[in-house]
Amino acid sequence: MTLQTRKKAILALADGTVAHGFAIGFDGTTGGELCFNTSMTGYQEIFTDPSYFGQLMMMTYPHIGNYGASARDDEHRKVMISGLIVRAFSNDFSNPMADSSLQDYLVRHKVVGITGVDTRMLVRHVREKGVMNAVISSVITDEAELIEMAKNWVSMEGLDLAKEVTRKEAQTIKAEQQDYKVAAFDYGIKQNIINNFTRRGITLRIFPAKSNFEEVMEWQPDGFFFSNGPGDPNPMDYAVQNVNKAKATGKPLFGICLGHQLMALSEEFKVDKMFVGHRGANHPVKNLESGLVEISTQNHGFAVNPESVDENKASVSHINLNDGTVEGLRFKQFKGFSVQYHPEASPGPHDSSYLFDQFVEMMKAK
């Protein structure tokens, strides 16, 4: 199919900005919070990351789809983004390990997208104006109608989305050589987080987000893990209650991304919506305990308010070198730590995988 015969599509932002391009993926209309990711590779892992549920994903790297799609690269059971925006989409791909083209993959998962737009201009616009909602459509041609849809799209702030992506029942994933048992709360847990635990001899029992803590304790875990996930942590009272109950057991706790924010809320620290958010695989983070700088994978639109961190309750263990935001906490009144970024990467560098080892060491000491 030539570029001239491809179906046209429109991207409309809530502030009235409009971009015209060509349809990719599924034919239809979709919307959500417009965010962008600066990763050069790993688009499929990004699309299937549950932390992106309800968001339109704009890739800053221009060429997307050139290595197709492969089932082994999925981070979850289905695609989580609500729509896709790219500069130059590749219908053809070159990868002997690919199962299909990215176009077929998007159609199969009913993902609406647009290509041929100036993503550099759009990223600069979002950086200047802040995150906002948007709509993509290949079936509606009225710009005013699409802008109005974007304006009326539900805001991410105040939205509990973890309950939308969590599993329906508990599942045990055994390590080949079981050394420890960890109860993991699933707010949108990624497959590579599971892999990082099991390869270290940790058997996981993954519980739905709203699980009863007494049922979790019947499994007699050696530690607790609070996973990544989408949406705003502030309305998740049920999750904060489970964090507090886990703290009371005296066993080690570990949180990543949304789990980090929930652990902070349990200590009465504040978590705020960010102006733009951090999403990419190249964010520099300084470990204040070792003095080393790690290149990290990040995906979050909320962050712990640094002024709310009580030094009697926790110390800041990591900071973002781009903007100074809190990237890690070491808690003082219970055995636990958390990080805002993604040590499991996928995609991204593995500089921070040592955090899983630290968690194992905490259980060993206990």
Foldseek 3Di string as FASTA:
>chain_A
DDLVPFFKKKKAFLVGDIWIFGKFFAAWKWKAKEAEAAAQDQPQCVQQQQQQARYEYEYPNAEPQQAAAAPVLHFDDAGRHQAYEHAHYDQYYDHPRHPHTVRVRRNVRNHIYGYNTDVVVVVVVCVVQFMFMMMMHSPDDDSVVRNVVRNPPDDLAPDQCLLVQWDPAKDKDFAPAADFEEEEERSRATPLVVVLQSVVRYIYTYGYNQDDLVVVCVVVGQEYEYEAHYGDLVVSPSNLVSLVVRQVVQHEYEYEASRQVSNCVNVVWDKAFARHFDAYAAWWKAFPVVRDIDGFGADDRIATDPVRDDVQFWDQGMATPVPGTGAKIQTDSGRYIYGNTDCSPSPYDNRRSCVSVVSVVRSVVD
